[in-house]
Amino acid sequence: MERSPSAELLVIAQGMPQHDPMTDFRFSYNIFGLEEPPAFAETCRRAERYGYDAVFAADHLGLASPFPTLVAAAQATERLRVGTLVLNAPFWNPALLAREIATTDVLTGGRLEVGLGAGHMKWEFDEAGIEWESFGSRAERLRATIDELGRLFAADGYEQQAAMRENFDIPVLRPVQRSGFGGYGPPLIVGGTGDRILQIAAETADVVGIAGAFQVKGQPPGTLRIGTAAEADERVRYARERAGDRADRVQWHALVQLVVITDDRAVAAEKLLERFGSMMTADELLETPFAFIGSVEQIADQVLRNRERYGFTYYTVHGPYMDAFAPVIERVRSATS
């Protein structure tokens, strides 16, 4: 028997986080390596105890397949939301992706967030035997995928299966949540740095992600550097202009590239530049919203300042920094409660 509208609305209300996207902070981490099941489950539960709101899986060759990983994370926790950050849209057939999203949203009890991007690692396309198209073509494929997913989520199942569903009392496979994708699917995150991707994000996404890594000009695709504060200013301004009236209704997300807890920010910044190369000055590294360097109190203050400057209220840190960043979450929530 298919779920009644009232029951479906109840599930959605229970699953979706209730927050003001302009003021309330959300924190998440993304999964790098895949641990053995008991250790993986404990890591997810530890993040939940720390106060993280979500855990994300990426979509890269050599890393864990995202959707089974997210189902496992949800089963190990009680409230932690799960999501993709982000799927490479050119890797996916939209009909098959719709099936994965709907299945995962059902099995996680409506805790899924769907992050989509255009892909930026050419070597992955080469290894997978997928044509590496121009940036414009990949952006068009991303937009087409979003539109097709919305159409599939809004549909009442496949007509060819109508008799089978009726005979065996099988419900239509559709997402539990009905908020993103035009009100028919889970919340949609679109992240990137390029004009076309940010325009798509501004037009379609519930969460607009400003990626903290920028392509190095003149280098092979996927050669990245941390973005500066000035670039973040410009990219947020560009996306907000294209979002128009939506700008104050979406949440603004930043992917943090590194977290270093230290009592000497300047020395730590200089050491990082010595290790990774002179991608920017030490002052620029300390100012960028895509790197957190300092004491817990200093980083918490930076998080609060970033909200005023850029509007960022949703942060993701890389998995290796999950434990180190946890005290910052407590500090920020204490300061804003």
Protein backbone atom coordinates (compact mmCIF):
# COMPACT_ATOMS: atom_id res chain seq x y z
CA MET A 1 0.00 0.00 0.00
CA GLU A 2 1.36 3.42 -0.90
CA ARG A 3 2.03 5.89 1.90
CA SER A 4 -0.79 8.35 2.49
CA PRO A 5 0.00 12.06 1.95
CA SER A 6 -0.41 12.81 5.66
CA ALA A 7 1.94 9.99 6.65
CA GLU A 8 4.47 11.10 4.06
CA LEU A 9 4.40 14.67 5.34
CA LEU A 10 4.97 13.40 8.87
CA VAL A 11 8.04 11.46 7.79
CA ILE A 12 9.39 14.47 5.92
CA ALA A 13 8.86 16.73 8.92
CA GLN A 14 10.70 14.28 11.12
CA GLY A 15 13.59 13.80 8.71
CA MET A 16 14.34 17.34 7.58
CA PRO A 17 16.44 19.60 9.81
CA GLN A 18 14.54 22.64 10.97
CA HIS A 19 16.81 25.66 10.64
CA ASP A 20 17.11 29.20 9.38
CA PRO A 21 19.53 28.92 6.43
CA MET A 22 20.74 32.47 6.95
CA THR A 23 21.69 32.17 10.61
CA ASP A 24 21.77 28.57 11.88
CA PHE A 25 25.03 26.69 11.49
CA ARG A 26 25.36 23.14 10.24
CA PHE A 27 28.57 21.14 10.30
CA SER A 28 29.59 18.00 8.45
CA TYR A 29 32.57 15.89 7.50
CA ASN A 30 33.35 13.80 4.46
CA ILE A 31 34.63 10.26 4.39
CA PHE A 32 38.13 9.62 3.05
CA GLY A 33 39.11 6.04 3.83
CA LEU A 34 36.72 3.18 4.46
CA GLU A 35 37.27 1.39 7.78
CA GLU A 36 36.18 -2.06 8.88
CA PRO A 37 32.45 -2.09 9.77
CA PRO A 38 32.77 -1.74 13.58
CA ALA A 39 35.32 1.07 13.30
CA PHE A 40 33.32 2.83 10.58
CA ALA A 41 30.16 2.70 12.68
CA GLU A 42 32.00 4.03 15.73
CA THR A 43 33.46 6.93 13.74
CA CYS A 44 29.96 7.91 12.59
CA ARG A 45 28.60 7.65 16.13
CA ARG A 46 31.51 9.71 17.47
CA ALA A 47 30.76 12.44 14.93
CA GLU A 48 27.15 12.39 16.02
CA ARG A 49 28.19 12.78 19.66
CA TYR A 50 30.43 15.68 18.71
CA GLY A 51 27.43 17.48 17.25
CA TYR A 52 28.06 17.07 13.54
CA ASP A 53 24.89 17.35 11.50
CA ALA A 54 25.85 15.29 8.46
CA VAL A 55 28.41 12.96 6.94
CA PHE A 56 29.22 13.05 3.23
CA ALA A 57 30.66 10.60 0.74
CA ALA A 58 32.51 11.71 -2.38
CA ASP A 59 32.27 10.21 -5.86
CA HIS A 60 35.85 9.43 -6.86
CA LEU A 61 37.56 6.34 -8.20
CA GLY A 62 39.53 4.57 -5.50
CA LEU A 63 37.16 5.73 -2.76
CA ALA A 64 34.14 3.93 -1.34
CA SER A 65 30.97 3.76 -3.40
CA PRO A 66 28.82 6.58 -2.03
CA PHE A 67 25.34 5.15 -1.60
CA PRO A 68 26.12 1.92 0.32
CA THR A 69 28.47 3.97 2.51
CA LEU A 70 25.70 6.43 3.35
CA VAL A 71 23.20 3.70 4.19
CA ALA A 72 25.75 2.17 6.56
CA ALA A 73 26.40 5.55 8.19
CA ALA A 74 22.70 6.13 8.73
CA GLN A 75 22.20 2.68 10.21
CA ALA A 76 25.01 3.32 12.70
CA THR A 77 23.51 6.61 13.93
CA GLU A 78 20.24 8.10 15.11
CA ARG A 79 19.99 11.58 13.65
CA LEU A 80 23.10 12.14 11.48
CA ARG A 81 22.10 13.16 7.99
CA VAL A 82 24.00 11.66 5.07
CA GLY A 83 24.83 12.97 1.64
CA THR A 84 26.99 13.05 -1.47
CA LEU A 85 29.58 15.79 -1.87
CA VAL A 86 29.43 15.64 -4.75
CA LEU A 87 28.41 13.12 -7.39
CA ASN A 88 30.06 13.54 -10.78
CA ALA A 89 26.96 13.94 -12.93
CA PRO A 90 28.65 12.66 -16.13
CA PHE A 91 29.33 9.34 -14.37
CA TRP A 92 25.62 8.63 -13.95
CA ASN A 93 22.66 7.66 -16.06
CA PRO A 94 19.80 9.77 -14.60
CA ALA A 95 17.30 6.91 -14.45
CA LEU A 96 19.74 4.69 -12.56
CA LEU A 97 20.80 7.58 -10.34
CA ALA A 98 17.15 8.30 -9.49
CA ARG A 99 16.81 4.69 -8.35
CA GLU A 100 19.92 5.00 -6.14
CA ILE A 101 18.74 8.27 -4.59
CA ALA A 102 15.21 7.04 -3.90
CA THR A 103 16.44 3.75 -2.42
CA THR A 104 18.97 5.52 -0.18
CA ASP A 105 16.46 8.12 1.00
CA VAL A 106 14.03 5.35 1.95
CA LEU A 107 16.64 3.20 3.71
CA THR A 108 18.02 6.18 5.65
CA GLY A 109 14.59 7.29 6.80
CA GLY A 110 14.63 10.52 4.82
CA ARG A 111 18.08 11.70 5.88
CA LEU A 112 19.70 12.01 2.44
CA GLU A 113 21.12 15.19 0.90
CA VAL A 114 22.08 14.97 -2.77
CA GLY A 115 25.17 16.87 -3.87
CA LEU A 116 25.84 17.10 -7.60
CA GLY A 117 28.73 18.52 -9.59
CA ALA A 118 30.16 18.45 -13.11
CA GLY A 119 33.36 16.51 -12.36
CA HIS A 120 36.86 17.96 -12.52
CA MET A 121 39.35 15.07 -12.42
CA LYS A 122 40.12 14.20 -16.04
CA TRP A 123 42.13 11.11 -15.09
CA GLU A 124 39.04 9.55 -13.51
CA PHE A 125 37.08 9.92 -16.73
CA ASP A 126 39.99 8.41 -18.64
CA GLU A 127 40.29 5.43 -16.27
CA ALA A 128 36.53 4.82 -16.35
CA GLY A 129 36.37 5.06 -20.13
CA ILE A 130 34.01 8.02 -19.96
CA GLU A 131 34.44 10.80 -22.50
CA TRP A 132 36.01 13.94 -21.05
CA GLU A 133 33.84 16.69 -22.48
CA SER A 134 34.35 20.43 -22.40
CA PHE A 135 33.44 22.27 -19.22
CA GLY A 136 30.39 23.74 -20.93
CA SER A 137 29.19 20.30 -21.99
CA ARG A 138 29.71 18.88 -18.50
CA ALA A 139 27.78 21.80 -17.03
CA GLU A 140 24.93 21.19 -19.47
CA ARG A 141 24.92 17.52 -18.49
CA LEU A 142 24.69 18.53 -14.82
CA ARG A 143 21.69 20.76 -15.48
CA ALA A 144 20.02 18.08 -17.61
CA THR A 145 20.58 15.52 -14.85
CA ILE A 146 18.96 17.77 -12.25
CA ASP A 147 15.96 18.38 -14.49
CA GLU A 148 15.55 14.68 -15.33
CA LEU A 149 15.82 13.63 -11.69
CA GLY A 150 13.09 16.10 -10.81
CA ARG A 151 10.88 14.68 -13.56
CA LEU A 152 11.46 11.10 -12.44
CA PHE A 153 10.84 11.91 -8.77
CA ALA A 154 7.58 13.68 -9.67
CA ALA A 155 6.31 10.79 -11.78
CA ASP A 156 3.99 8.13 -10.43
CA GLY A 157 6.37 5.29 -11.19
CA TYR A 158 6.84 3.53 -14.50
CA GLU A 159 3.60 2.81 -16.36
CA GLN A 160 5.01 -0.55 -17.46
CA GLN A 161 5.01 -1.67 -13.81
CA ALA A 162 1.54 -0.40 -12.89
CA ALA A 163 -0.10 -3.84 -13.08
CA MET A 164 2.67 -5.48 -11.04
CA ARG A 165 2.43 -2.80 -8.34
CA GLU A 166 -1.31 -3.26 -8.12
CA ASN A 167 -1.18 -7.06 -8.09
CA PHE A 168 1.52 -7.29 -5.41
CA ASP A 169 0.69 -4.11 -3.50
CA ILE A 170 4.14 -2.62 -4.22
CA PRO A 171 4.56 1.11 -3.60
CA VAL A 172 6.15 3.40 -6.16
CA LEU A 173 9.86 3.81 -5.46
CA ARG A 174 10.27 7.48 -4.73
CA PRO A 175 12.23 9.60 -2.23
CA VAL A 176 10.78 10.05 1.24
CA GLN A 177 11.66 13.74 1.27
CA ARG A 178 9.81 16.13 -0.99
CA SER A 179 11.75 19.36 -0.70
CA GLY A 180 14.48 19.56 -3.34
CA PHE A 181 14.23 18.98 -7.09
CA GLY A 182 11.18 21.20 -7.39
CA GLY A 183 9.57 19.74 -4.28
CA TYR A 184 9.84 16.09 -5.32
CA GLY A 185 13.13 14.86 -3.87
CA PRO A 186 15.75 15.26 -1.15
CA PRO A 187 17.55 18.57 -0.59
CA LEU A 188 19.84 19.39 -3.50
CA ILE A 189 23.41 20.65 -3.10
CA VAL A 190 25.25 21.98 -6.12
CA GLY A 191 28.86 22.96 -5.63
CA GLY A 192 31.70 24.35 -7.68
CA THR A 193 33.62 27.50 -8.54
CA GLY A 194 32.93 28.16 -12.21
CA ASP A 195 30.35 30.63 -13.51
CA ARG A 196 28.09 28.07 -15.16
CA ILE A 197 28.05 25.69 -12.19
CA LEU A 198 27.30 28.48 -9.74
CA GLN A 199 24.52 29.72 -12.00
CA ILE A 200 22.98 26.25 -11.99
CA ALA A 201 23.37 26.14 -8.22
CA ALA A 202 21.74 29.54 -7.83
CA GLU A 203 18.79 28.48 -9.96
CA THR A 204 18.15 24.98 -8.61
CA ALA A 205 19.89 24.14 -5.33
CA ASP A 206 18.72 24.20 -1.74
CA VAL A 207 22.38 24.48 -0.71
CA VAL A 208 24.87 26.44 -2.82
CA GLY A 209 28.39 25.14 -2.30
CA ILE A 210 31.48 27.24 -2.90
CA ALA A 211 34.26 24.72 -3.34
CA GLY A 212 37.43 25.63 -1.50
CA ALA A 213 39.68 24.26 -4.25
CA PHE A 214 40.30 26.19 -7.47
CA GLN A 215 41.82 24.88 -10.70
CA VAL A 216 45.44 25.98 -11.18
CA LYS A 217 45.63 27.80 -14.49
CA GLY A 218 47.83 26.16 -17.09
CA GLN A 219 47.92 22.84 -15.23
CA PRO A 220 46.10 19.57 -16.05
CA PRO A 221 42.42 19.41 -15.01
CA GLY A 222 42.17 18.48 -11.35
CA THR A 223 45.33 20.36 -10.30
CA LEU A 224 43.89 22.40 -7.48
CA ARG A 225 44.82 25.12 -4.98
CA ILE A 226 43.02 26.66 -2.03
CA GLY A 227 40.92 29.69 -2.95
CA THR A 228 41.57 33.08 -1.40
CA ALA A 229 39.18 35.24 0.60
CA ALA A 230 38.94 37.66 -2.31
CA GLU A 231 37.94 34.81 -4.63
CA ALA A 232 35.35 33.64 -2.11
CA ASP A 233 33.94 37.19 -1.97
CA GLU A 234 33.63 37.32 -5.73
CA ARG A 235 32.19 33.83 -6.15
CA VAL A 236 29.54 34.36 -3.44
CA ARG A 237 28.63 37.72 -4.93
CA TYR A 238 28.28 36.17 -8.38
CA ALA A 239 26.08 33.33 -7.12
CA ARG A 240 23.90 35.61 -5.00
CA GLU A 241 23.26 37.91 -7.94
CA ARG A 242 22.08 34.97 -10.02
CA ALA A 243 20.00 33.54 -7.20
CA GLY A 244 18.01 36.76 -6.96
CA ASP A 245 15.11 36.37 -4.55
CA ARG A 246 16.29 32.83 -3.73
CA ALA A 247 19.56 34.06 -2.24
CA ASP A 248 18.12 34.45 1.26
CA ARG A 249 16.25 31.15 1.15
CA VAL A 250 19.14 28.84 0.30
CA GLN A 251 21.99 27.81 2.57
CA TRP A 252 25.55 28.75 1.69
CA HIS A 253 28.14 26.01 2.04
CA ALA A 254 31.94 25.99 2.19
CA LEU A 255 34.22 22.97 1.81
CA VAL A 256 37.14 23.48 4.20
CA GLN A 257 40.44 22.12 2.88
CA LEU A 258 42.44 21.99 6.10
CA VAL A 259 42.11 22.42 9.87
CA VAL A 260 45.10 23.09 12.12
CA ILE A 261 44.63 23.65 15.85
CA THR A 262 47.52 25.78 17.11
CA ASP A 263 48.33 28.63 19.46
CA ASP A 264 50.54 30.29 16.85
CA ARG A 265 48.61 30.91 13.65
CA ALA A 266 51.39 32.76 11.85
CA VAL A 267 54.02 30.07 12.39
CA ALA A 268 51.58 27.32 11.43
CA ALA A 269 50.67 29.13 8.22
CA GLU A 270 54.31 29.57 7.23
CA LYS A 271 55.01 25.88 7.87
CA LEU A 272 52.03 24.86 5.73
CA LEU A 273 53.24 27.02 2.86
CA GLU A 274 56.71 25.49 3.14
CA ARG A 275 55.13 22.04 2.95
CA PHE A 276 52.61 22.61 0.17
CA GLY A 277 54.25 25.40 -1.80
CA SER A 278 53.68 29.13 -2.10
CA MET A 279 50.10 28.98 -3.36
CA MET A 280 49.38 32.24 -1.51
CA THR A 281 50.86 34.41 1.20
CA ALA A 282 50.63 33.48 4.87
CA ASP A 283 48.18 36.34 5.45
CA GLU A 284 45.98 35.09 2.61
CA LEU A 285 46.03 31.56 4.01
CA LEU A 286 44.95 32.86 7.42
CA GLU A 287 42.15 34.93 5.88
CA THR A 288 40.63 32.39 3.48
CA PRO A 289 37.35 30.78 4.61
CA PHE A 290 38.55 27.46 3.17
CA ALA A 291 41.24 26.88 5.83
CA PHE A 292 40.94 27.05 9.60
CA ILE A 293 44.21 27.70 11.44
CA GLY A 294 44.41 28.77 15.07
CA SER A 295 43.08 27.98 18.51
CA VAL A 296 39.57 26.64 18.97
CA GLU A 297 38.46 30.12 20.03
CA GLN A 298 40.10 31.81 17.03
CA ILE A 299 38.57 29.37 14.56
CA ALA A 300 35.13 29.72 16.14
CA ASP A 301 35.44 33.48 15.80
CA GLN A 302 36.42 33.01 12.16
CA VAL A 303 33.34 30.88 11.55
CA LEU A 304 31.17 33.65 12.98
CA ARG A 305 32.93 36.35 10.93
CA ASN A 306 32.58 34.27 7.78
CA ARG A 307 28.82 34.20 8.26
CA GLU A 308 28.75 37.98 8.23
CA ARG A 309 31.15 38.32 5.29
CA TYR A 310 30.09 35.48 2.99
CA GLY A 311 26.87 34.08 4.43
CA PHE A 312 28.44 30.64 5.03
CA THR A 313 26.46 28.66 7.60
CA TYR A 314 27.11 25.12 6.37
CA TYR A 315 30.64 23.73 6.60
CA THR A 316 32.23 20.45 5.62
CA VAL A 317 35.68 19.46 6.86
CA HIS A 318 37.66 16.58 5.44
CA GLY A 319 37.44 13.36 7.42
CA PRO A 320 41.00 13.48 8.80
CA TYR A 321 40.10 16.77 10.54
CA MET A 322 36.81 15.57 12.02
CA ASP A 323 38.11 15.08 15.56
CA ALA A 324 40.24 18.22 15.61
CA PHE A 325 37.37 20.43 14.45
CA ALA A 326 34.82 19.03 16.91
CA PRO A 327 35.56 21.49 19.78
CA VAL A 328 34.93 24.35 17.35
CA ILE A 329 31.38 23.12 16.81
CA GLU A 330 30.71 23.21 20.54
CA ARG A 331 32.25 26.67 20.80
CA VAL A 332 30.22 28.11 17.92
CA ARG A 333 26.97 26.66 19.21
CA SER A 334 27.69 27.99 22.68
CA ALA A 335 28.33 31.45 21.24
CA THR A 336 25.14 31.43 19.16
CA SER A 337 22.73 29.77 21.59
